[in-house]
Amino acid sequence: MLNFIKTFARDEDGAVTVDWVVLTAAIVGLGIAVLISVRNGAETMAENIEAQLETDVPEISFTR
């Protein structure tokens, strides 16, 4: 039993898993923060593009 406890205490596999979980959570959190900060600008740009496309109708000609 004492040997099992010593082996368990020296095992580092679980620590690596915890590190990956923390890093993944940090990356997801940063991604959400970026999306929140860029959302208003992207919506404004999309509205401007929509307005431009509604008002400007390109003339298409297939003759030279």
N, C-alpha and C. Protein backbone atom coordinates (compact mmCIF):
# COMPACT_ATOMS: atom_id res chain seq x y z
N MET A 1 0.82 -1.19 0.00
CA MET A 1 0.00 0.00 0.00
C MET A 1 0.86 1.26 0.00
N LEU A 2 1.94 1.25 0.77
CA LEU A 2 2.84 2.40 0.83
C LEU A 2 3.49 2.63 -0.53
N ASN A 3 3.82 1.55 -1.21
CA ASN A 3 4.41 1.65 -2.55
C ASN A 3 3.42 2.30 -3.52
N PHE A 4 2.15 1.96 -3.43
CA PHE A 4 1.13 2.55 -4.30
C PHE A 4 1.02 4.05 -4.06
N ILE A 5 1.07 4.50 -2.84
CA ILE A 5 0.96 5.92 -2.51
C ILE A 5 2.17 6.68 -3.04
N LYS A 6 3.36 6.11 -2.95
CA LYS A 6 4.56 6.76 -3.48
C LYS A 6 4.48 6.88 -4.99
N THR A 7 4.03 5.82 -5.64
CA THR A 7 3.89 5.86 -7.10
C THR A 7 2.84 6.89 -7.52
N PHE A 8 1.75 6.94 -6.81
CA PHE A 8 0.69 7.90 -7.10
C PHE A 8 1.19 9.34 -6.91
N ALA A 9 1.99 9.59 -5.90
CA ALA A 9 2.50 10.94 -5.64
C ALA A 9 3.49 11.38 -6.71
N ARG A 10 4.23 10.44 -7.30
CA ARG A 10 5.21 10.79 -8.35
C ARG A 10 4.60 10.89 -9.73
N ASP A 11 3.38 10.43 -9.92
CA ASP A 11 2.73 10.44 -11.23
C ASP A 11 2.34 11.86 -11.60
N GLU A 12 2.77 12.32 -12.79
CA GLU A 12 2.51 13.69 -13.22
C GLU A 12 1.51 13.78 -14.38
N ASP A 13 0.92 12.69 -14.77
CA ASP A 13 0.00 12.72 -15.91
C ASP A 13 -1.21 13.61 -15.66
N GLY A 14 -1.76 13.59 -14.49
CA GLY A 14 -2.92 14.40 -14.16
C GLY A 14 -2.61 15.89 -14.21
N ALA A 15 -1.40 16.27 -13.82
CA ALA A 15 -1.01 17.68 -13.82
C ALA A 15 -0.99 18.23 -15.24
N VAL A 16 -0.56 17.43 -16.19
CA VAL A 16 -0.53 17.86 -17.58
C VAL A 16 -1.95 18.08 -18.08
N THR A 17 -2.86 17.23 -17.70
CA THR A 17 -4.26 17.38 -18.11
C THR A 17 -4.85 18.66 -17.54
N VAL A 18 -4.55 18.96 -16.30
CA VAL A 18 -5.05 20.19 -15.69
C VAL A 18 -4.48 21.40 -16.43
N ASP A 19 -3.21 21.36 -16.78
CA ASP A 19 -2.60 22.46 -17.54
C ASP A 19 -3.34 22.69 -18.86
N TRP A 20 -3.62 21.62 -19.58
CA TRP A 20 -4.32 21.75 -20.86
C TRP A 20 -5.73 22.30 -20.68
N VAL A 21 -6.40 21.89 -19.64
CA VAL A 21 -7.76 22.41 -19.38
C VAL A 21 -7.70 23.90 -19.10
N VAL A 22 -6.75 24.34 -18.31
CA VAL A 22 -6.61 25.76 -17.98
C VAL A 22 -6.26 26.56 -19.23
N LEU A 23 -5.32 26.07 -20.03
CA LEU A 23 -4.93 26.77 -21.25
C LEU A 23 -6.09 26.85 -22.24
N THR A 24 -6.84 25.78 -22.37
CA THR A 24 -7.99 25.77 -23.28
C THR A 24 -9.05 26.75 -22.81
N ALA A 25 -9.31 26.79 -21.52
CA ALA A 25 -10.28 27.74 -20.98
C ALA A 25 -9.83 29.19 -21.22
N ALA A 26 -8.55 29.44 -21.08
CA ALA A 26 -8.03 30.78 -21.32
C ALA A 26 -8.19 31.18 -22.79
N ILE A 27 -7.91 30.27 -23.70
CA ILE A 27 -8.06 30.56 -25.12
C ILE A 27 -9.51 30.82 -25.48
N VAL A 28 -10.41 30.03 -24.95
CA VAL A 28 -11.84 30.24 -25.20
C VAL A 28 -12.28 31.58 -24.62
N GLY A 29 -11.83 31.92 -23.44
CA GLY A 29 -12.16 33.21 -22.83
C GLY A 29 -11.66 34.38 -23.65
N LEU A 30 -10.44 34.28 -24.16
CA LEU A 30 -9.90 35.35 -25.00
C LEU A 30 -10.69 35.46 -26.31
N GLY A 31 -11.08 34.33 -26.86
CA GLY A 31 -11.88 34.37 -28.09
C GLY A 31 -13.22 35.05 -27.87
N ILE A 32 -13.86 34.77 -26.76
CA ILE A 32 -15.14 35.41 -26.44
C ILE A 32 -14.94 36.91 -26.23
N ALA A 33 -13.86 37.30 -25.57
CA ALA A 33 -13.58 38.72 -25.35
C ALA A 33 -13.36 39.45 -26.67
N VAL A 34 -12.66 38.82 -27.59
CA VAL A 34 -12.43 39.43 -28.90
C VAL A 34 -13.74 39.56 -29.66
N LEU A 35 -14.57 38.53 -29.64
CA LEU A 35 -15.86 38.61 -30.33
C LEU A 35 -16.73 39.72 -29.77
N ILE A 36 -16.75 39.88 -28.48
CA ILE A 36 -17.56 40.94 -27.86
C ILE A 36 -17.05 42.32 -28.27
N SER A 37 -15.75 42.50 -28.30
CA SER A 37 -15.19 43.81 -28.62
C SER A 37 -15.31 44.16 -30.10
N VAL A 38 -15.37 43.17 -30.98
CA VAL A 38 -15.42 43.42 -32.42
C VAL A 38 -16.86 43.44 -32.95
N ARG A 39 -17.79 42.93 -32.18
CA ARG A 39 -19.16 42.75 -32.66
C ARG A 39 -19.80 44.04 -33.15
N ASN A 40 -19.71 45.12 -32.40
CA ASN A 40 -20.36 46.36 -32.80
C ASN A 40 -19.80 46.90 -34.11
N GLY A 41 -18.51 46.86 -34.27
CA GLY A 41 -17.90 47.34 -35.52
C GLY A 41 -18.28 46.48 -36.71
N ALA A 42 -18.36 45.18 -36.50
CA ALA A 42 -18.74 44.28 -37.59
C ALA A 42 -20.19 44.50 -38.00
N GLU A 43 -21.06 44.72 -37.02
CA GLU A 43 -22.47 44.97 -37.34
C GLU A 43 -22.63 46.28 -38.10
N THR A 44 -21.90 47.31 -37.69
CA THR A 44 -21.96 48.60 -38.38
C THR A 44 -21.45 48.46 -39.81
N MET A 45 -20.37 47.74 -40.00
CA MET A 45 -19.82 47.56 -41.33
C MET A 45 -20.80 46.79 -42.22
N ALA A 46 -21.43 45.77 -41.67
CA ALA A 46 -22.41 44.99 -42.43
C ALA A 46 -23.60 45.86 -42.83
N GLU A 47 -24.05 46.73 -41.94
CA GLU A 47 -25.16 47.63 -42.27
C GLU A 47 -24.76 48.61 -43.36
N ASN A 48 -23.53 49.12 -43.31
CA ASN A 48 -23.05 50.04 -44.34
C ASN A 48 -22.96 49.35 -45.70
N ILE A 49 -22.48 48.14 -45.72
CA ILE A 49 -22.38 47.38 -46.97
C ILE A 49 -23.77 47.10 -47.52
N GLU A 50 -24.70 46.73 -46.64
CA GLU A 50 -26.07 46.46 -47.08
C GLU A 50 -26.70 47.71 -47.70
N ALA A 51 -26.52 48.86 -47.06
CA ALA A 51 -27.07 50.10 -47.58
C ALA A 51 -26.45 50.45 -48.93
N GLN A 52 -25.17 50.23 -49.06
CA GLN A 52 -24.48 50.52 -50.33
C GLN A 52 -24.98 49.61 -51.44
N LEU A 53 -25.17 48.34 -51.14
CA LEU A 53 -25.64 47.40 -52.15
C LEU A 53 -27.09 47.68 -52.54
N GLU A 54 -27.89 48.19 -51.63
CA GLU A 54 -29.28 48.49 -51.95
C GLU A 54 -29.40 49.72 -52.84
N THR A 55 -28.50 50.68 -52.70
CA THR A 55 -28.61 51.93 -53.46
C THR A 55 -27.88 51.87 -54.79
N ASP A 56 -26.77 51.21 -54.86
CA ASP A 56 -25.97 51.17 -56.09
C ASP A 56 -26.25 49.88 -56.85
N VAL A 57 -26.88 50.03 -58.01
CA VAL A 57 -27.15 48.86 -58.85
C VAL A 57 -26.17 48.91 -60.01
N PRO A 58 -25.32 47.93 -60.13
CA PRO A 58 -24.32 47.97 -61.22
C PRO A 58 -25.00 47.74 -62.57
N GLU A 59 -24.46 48.40 -63.58
CA GLU A 59 -24.94 48.21 -64.94
C GLU A 59 -24.13 47.09 -65.57
N ILE A 60 -24.81 46.08 -66.04
CA ILE A 60 -24.13 44.94 -66.65
C ILE A 60 -24.43 44.96 -68.13
N SER A 61 -23.38 44.92 -68.92
CA SER A 61 -23.54 44.94 -70.37
C SER A 61 -22.69 43.81 -70.94
N PHE A 62 -23.31 43.02 -71.84
CA PHE A 62 -22.60 41.90 -72.45
C PHE A 62 -22.13 42.23 -73.86
N THR A 63 -22.32 43.47 -74.30
CA THR A 63 -21.85 43.87 -75.64
C THR A 63 -20.66 44.77 -75.49
N ARG A 64 -19.89 44.87 -76.56
CA ARG A 64 -18.70 45.73 -76.52
C ARG A 64 -18.95 47.04 -77.17
